[in-house]
Amino acid sequence: MQKIHSPSSRVIFISGSLLITLALAGCANTHHVTVGATPDDYRTNHPITIQEREKTADIPVSRNDKKLSLTQRSIVQNAVDGYRRQGSGMVFILLPEGSANQSAAYQISMDIAKVLRQGGVLASNIATQSYQVNNQQISAPVRISYYAMTAGTGPCGRWPDDMLNTAENKHYANFGCASQANLAAQVANPADLLGPRATAPLSGTRNDRVLSGVKKDAPDNGYDNVSPSISKVWTEQRSQIVNYTNQ
């Protein structure tokens, strides 16, 4: 008698293997979906990065200035505050060379260096340099320059494609760049973008004031006098509370 092999068992085995393979493939990497070669999130296109960047402050100087005015001094003091918060290393005083106010800028630089030293900048970290001005009729500013760890984005204003070309319903290349740049400029401490700060120790005096109250007759009587078990609102009858809500 010839033995006949039924193909049904082989079909069932192949079908079962195929179902298991599809099930495993469906469970793998379900959180990453690629929708295109170019990302469509402005936070990805224009990320905020923290790195060492040049910080500058320009001080307008006329050709007849002999010393710092109140406005000029405030610009220098603001630069000193920024250097003490985030800056390090050298502070450069850049003087115009070949401009109409070249002599006045040199005299003003003495006062600038004095204000920097009074603000806590080491004298060894202050250097004076010059930059060339090609027009002798203008009064160029004196610039204070230093490097500091700051938050920022790349340059805005990129228009590689026509912004009206929205066939794929995606953002244009410059979308969100200004918002990211403004957000980075408003951050007082760039380290806050990397993680939370350490918590400050609790104030035992403040906790005692909140929980027990300093005086029973004072408006801020602490937790005891605003507790539901003591407050007059919660001791009234339920019908009276309902009347409040109906008024």
Protein backbone atom coordinates (compact mmCIF):
# COMPACT_ATOMS: atom_id res chain seq x y z
CA MET A 1 0.00 0.00 0.00
CA GLN A 2 1.37 3.39 -0.99
CA LYS A 3 1.56 5.96 1.78
CA ILE A 4 -0.06 9.28 0.90
CA HIS A 5 1.25 12.47 2.57
CA SER A 6 -1.35 15.14 3.21
CA PRO A 7 -0.17 18.76 2.62
CA SER A 8 -2.54 20.13 5.24
CA SER A 9 -0.12 19.71 8.13
CA ARG A 10 2.64 21.51 6.21
CA VAL A 11 0.32 24.39 5.36
CA ILE A 12 -0.76 24.74 8.96
CA PHE A 13 2.87 24.78 10.12
CA ILE A 14 3.89 27.46 7.59
CA SER A 15 0.85 29.59 8.41
CA GLY A 16 1.60 29.42 12.13
CA SER A 17 5.21 30.44 11.58
CA LEU A 18 4.13 33.34 9.41
CA LEU A 19 1.69 34.60 12.05
CA ILE A 20 4.37 34.47 14.76
CA THR A 21 6.82 36.38 12.55
CA LEU A 22 4.26 39.08 11.79
CA ALA A 23 3.35 39.38 15.46
CA LEU A 24 6.99 39.86 16.47
CA ALA A 25 7.54 42.37 13.69
CA GLY A 26 4.51 44.35 14.82
CA CYS A 27 5.82 44.55 18.41
CA ALA A 28 9.26 45.83 17.43
CA ASN A 29 10.05 49.57 17.36
CA THR A 30 6.54 50.95 17.50
CA HIS A 31 7.57 54.35 18.92
CA HIS A 32 9.68 55.59 16.00
CA VAL A 33 7.83 56.49 12.84
CA THR A 34 9.71 57.97 9.91
CA VAL A 35 7.51 60.39 8.01
CA GLY A 36 10.12 61.92 5.74
CA ALA A 37 13.78 62.58 5.20
CA THR A 38 13.52 66.13 6.66
CA PRO A 39 12.25 66.52 10.26
CA ASP A 40 9.11 68.61 10.64
CA ASP A 41 9.61 69.77 14.24
CA TYR A 42 10.99 73.28 14.75
CA ARG A 43 12.72 72.12 17.95
CA THR A 44 14.67 69.63 15.86
CA ASN A 45 15.34 72.03 12.98
CA HIS A 46 16.40 74.86 15.31
CA PRO A 47 17.63 73.28 18.56
CA ILE A 48 18.72 75.37 21.53
CA THR A 49 22.33 74.59 22.35
CA ILE A 50 24.52 75.65 25.25
CA GLN A 51 28.07 76.55 24.33
CA GLU A 52 30.69 79.24 24.72
CA ARG A 53 29.79 82.29 22.64
CA GLU A 54 31.11 85.81 22.31
CA LYS A 55 29.21 88.48 24.24
CA THR A 56 29.69 92.07 23.17
CA ALA A 57 28.62 95.52 24.36
CA ASP A 58 29.07 98.59 22.17
CA ILE A 59 29.64 101.98 23.82
CA PRO A 60 28.93 105.03 21.65
CA VAL A 61 31.69 107.61 21.93
CA SER A 62 31.74 111.07 20.40
CA ARG A 63 34.94 112.80 19.30
CA ASN A 64 34.79 115.24 22.25
CA ASP A 65 34.26 112.75 25.11
CA LYS A 66 36.81 112.87 27.90
CA LYS A 67 35.29 110.49 30.44
CA LEU A 68 32.41 108.08 30.78
CA SER A 69 28.93 109.55 30.99
CA LEU A 70 26.18 108.01 33.11
CA THR A 71 24.75 106.18 30.09
CA GLN A 72 28.14 104.87 29.02
CA ARG A 73 28.99 103.80 32.56
CA SER A 74 25.73 101.86 32.85
CA ILE A 75 26.60 99.93 29.66
CA VAL A 76 29.97 98.98 31.11
CA GLN A 77 28.45 97.95 34.45
CA ASN A 78 25.88 95.81 32.67
CA ALA A 79 28.71 94.06 30.81
CA VAL A 80 30.50 93.49 34.12
CA ASP A 81 27.37 91.90 35.61
CA GLY A 82 27.05 89.57 32.62
CA TYR A 83 30.71 88.61 32.85
CA ARG A 84 30.45 87.82 36.56
CA ARG A 85 27.34 85.66 36.03
CA GLN A 86 28.43 83.60 33.04
CA GLY A 87 31.75 84.81 31.66
CA SER A 88 35.32 83.72 32.22
CA GLY A 89 38.74 84.42 30.83
CA MET A 90 39.78 87.62 29.13
CA VAL A 91 37.77 90.81 28.68
CA PHE A 92 38.79 92.76 25.58
CA ILE A 93 38.34 96.51 25.09
CA LEU A 94 38.28 97.07 21.33
CA LEU A 95 39.15 100.62 20.25
CA PRO A 96 38.48 102.08 16.80
CA GLU A 97 41.54 103.01 14.76
CA GLY A 98 41.29 105.51 11.91
CA SER A 99 37.95 106.99 12.98
CA ALA A 100 37.03 110.54 13.93
CA ASN A 101 36.84 109.65 17.63
CA GLN A 102 40.08 107.67 17.87
CA SER A 103 41.61 109.93 20.56
CA ALA A 104 38.40 110.13 22.59
CA ALA A 105 38.00 106.34 22.47
CA TYR A 106 41.50 105.89 23.90
CA GLN A 107 40.76 108.24 26.81
CA ILE A 108 37.43 106.56 27.48
CA SER A 109 39.15 103.16 27.57
CA MET A 110 40.95 104.17 30.76
CA ASP A 111 37.65 104.71 32.56
CA ILE A 112 36.27 101.47 31.12
CA ALA A 113 39.19 99.47 32.48
CA LYS A 114 38.73 101.14 35.87
CA VAL A 115 35.04 100.21 36.02
CA LEU A 116 35.90 96.63 35.04
CA ARG A 117 38.45 96.35 37.86
CA GLN A 118 36.01 97.84 40.36
CA GLY A 119 33.43 95.27 39.26
CA GLY A 120 35.70 92.35 40.13
CA VAL A 121 37.48 91.65 36.84
CA LEU A 122 41.14 90.88 37.39
CA ALA A 123 43.55 93.40 35.90
CA SER A 124 45.43 90.52 34.25
CA ASN A 125 42.22 89.54 32.43
CA ILE A 126 41.73 92.97 30.81
CA ALA A 127 43.31 93.57 27.41
CA THR A 128 43.05 96.47 24.96
CA GLN A 129 43.01 95.90 21.21
CA SER A 130 42.10 97.95 18.16
CA TYR A 131 40.03 97.38 15.05
CA GLN A 132 40.35 99.21 11.75
CA VAL A 133 37.79 101.79 10.59
CA ASN A 134 37.99 102.77 6.95
CA ASN A 135 35.93 105.95 7.20
CA GLN A 136 37.60 108.87 9.01
CA GLN A 137 34.36 110.88 9.16
CA ILE A 138 32.42 108.55 11.47
CA SER A 139 32.62 107.96 15.21
CA ALA A 140 32.89 104.23 15.78
CA PRO A 141 31.92 102.64 19.12
CA VAL A 142 34.19 101.14 21.74
CA ARG A 143 33.36 97.45 22.14
CA ILE A 144 33.67 95.25 25.23
CA SER A 145 34.03 91.58 24.32
CA TYR A 146 34.24 88.40 26.40
CA TYR A 147 33.21 84.76 26.13
CA ALA A 148 30.50 83.12 28.23
CA MET A 149 28.44 79.95 28.34
CA THR A 150 25.12 80.96 26.80
CA ALA A 151 22.06 79.37 25.25
CA GLY A 152 21.38 80.04 21.61
CA THR A 153 20.35 78.68 18.24
CA GLY A 154 21.82 78.74 14.78
CA PRO A 155 21.37 81.71 12.44
CA CYS A 156 17.82 82.40 11.30
CA GLY A 157 16.70 83.52 7.88
CA ARG A 158 17.28 80.37 5.85
CA TRP A 159 14.98 80.18 2.82
CA PRO A 160 16.23 77.25 0.72
CA ASP A 161 12.80 76.63 -0.84
CA ASP A 162 9.71 78.56 -1.76
CA MET A 163 7.64 78.87 1.44
CA LEU A 164 4.44 78.63 -0.64
CA ASN A 165 5.40 75.16 -1.77
CA THR A 166 3.27 73.28 0.76
CA ALA A 167 2.34 70.23 -1.24
CA GLU A 168 3.67 67.99 1.54
CA ASN A 169 2.04 70.11 4.28
CA LYS A 170 5.32 70.70 6.14
CA HIS A 171 6.82 73.71 7.86
CA TYR A 172 9.12 75.97 5.91
CA ALA A 173 12.81 75.85 6.85
CA ASN A 174 12.83 79.07 8.91
CA PHE A 175 9.66 78.21 10.86
CA GLY A 176 10.16 78.52 14.65
CA CYS A 177 13.71 79.87 14.47
CA ALA A 178 12.86 83.30 15.92
CA SER A 179 10.81 81.76 18.75
CA GLN A 180 13.65 79.43 19.70
CA ALA A 181 16.17 82.29 19.57
CA ASN A 182 13.98 84.50 21.77
CA LEU A 183 13.46 81.69 24.28
CA ALA A 184 17.21 81.09 24.49
CA ALA A 185 17.85 84.81 24.99
CA GLN A 186 15.39 84.98 27.90
CA VAL A 187 17.02 82.18 29.89
CA ALA A 188 18.92 83.74 32.79
CA ASN A 189 20.84 80.57 33.64
CA PRO A 190 21.52 78.29 30.64
CA ALA A 191 22.12 75.37 33.01
CA ASP A 192 18.37 75.33 33.71
CA LEU A 193 17.87 73.86 30.23
CA LEU A 194 20.05 70.89 31.16
CA GLY A 195 18.28 69.92 34.36
CA PRO A 196 16.67 71.16 37.57
CA ARG A 197 18.61 72.96 40.24
CA ALA A 198 19.31 71.46 43.63
CA THR A 199 16.52 72.02 46.13
CA ALA A 200 17.14 74.49 48.95
CA PRO A 201 16.87 73.33 52.57
CA LEU A 202 13.47 73.68 54.20
CA SER A 203 12.82 76.59 56.54
CA GLY A 204 11.74 75.29 59.92
CA THR A 205 10.49 78.73 60.97
CA ARG A 206 8.28 79.04 57.92
CA ASN A 207 6.90 75.52 58.34
CA ASP A 208 6.00 76.22 61.95
CA ARG A 209 4.27 79.45 60.94
CA VAL A 210 2.19 77.73 58.29
CA LEU A 211 1.22 74.71 60.40
CA SER A 212 0.55 76.33 63.77
CA GLY A 213 0.30 80.07 63.16
CA VAL A 214 2.11 82.85 64.99
CA LYS A 215 -0.99 84.55 66.43
CA LYS A 216 -4.52 83.29 66.54
CA ASP A 217 -5.88 86.79 65.85
CA ALA A 218 -3.61 87.48 62.87
CA PRO A 219 -4.94 87.12 59.28
CA ASP A 220 -2.31 84.45 58.56
CA ASN A 221 -3.25 82.05 61.29
CA GLY A 222 -1.67 78.99 59.81
CA TYR A 223 -3.13 75.63 59.02
CA ASP A 224 -5.04 75.21 62.27
CA ASN A 225 -7.54 77.98 61.55
CA VAL A 226 -8.15 77.11 57.89
CA SER A 227 -8.56 73.39 58.45
CA PRO A 228 -11.99 71.98 57.42
CA SER A 229 -12.44 70.72 60.97
CA ILE A 230 -12.20 74.26 62.40
CA SER A 231 -13.38 76.54 59.61
CA LYS A 232 -16.90 77.97 60.13
CA VAL A 233 -17.88 77.17 56.56
CA TRP A 234 -17.58 73.45 57.16
CA THR A 235 -19.43 73.55 60.49
CA GLU A 236 -22.60 75.00 58.92
CA GLN A 237 -25.48 72.80 57.99
CA ARG A 238 -25.48 71.26 54.54
CA SER A 239 -28.69 73.12 53.61
CA GLN A 240 -27.01 76.46 54.23
CA ILE A 241 -24.07 75.50 52.03
CA VAL A 242 -26.47 74.58 49.24
CA ASN A 243 -28.09 78.00 49.54
CA TYR A 244 -24.72 79.61 48.81
CA THR A 245 -24.46 77.81 45.50
CA ASN A 246 -28.01 78.77 44.48
CA GLN A 247 -27.52 82.52 45.02
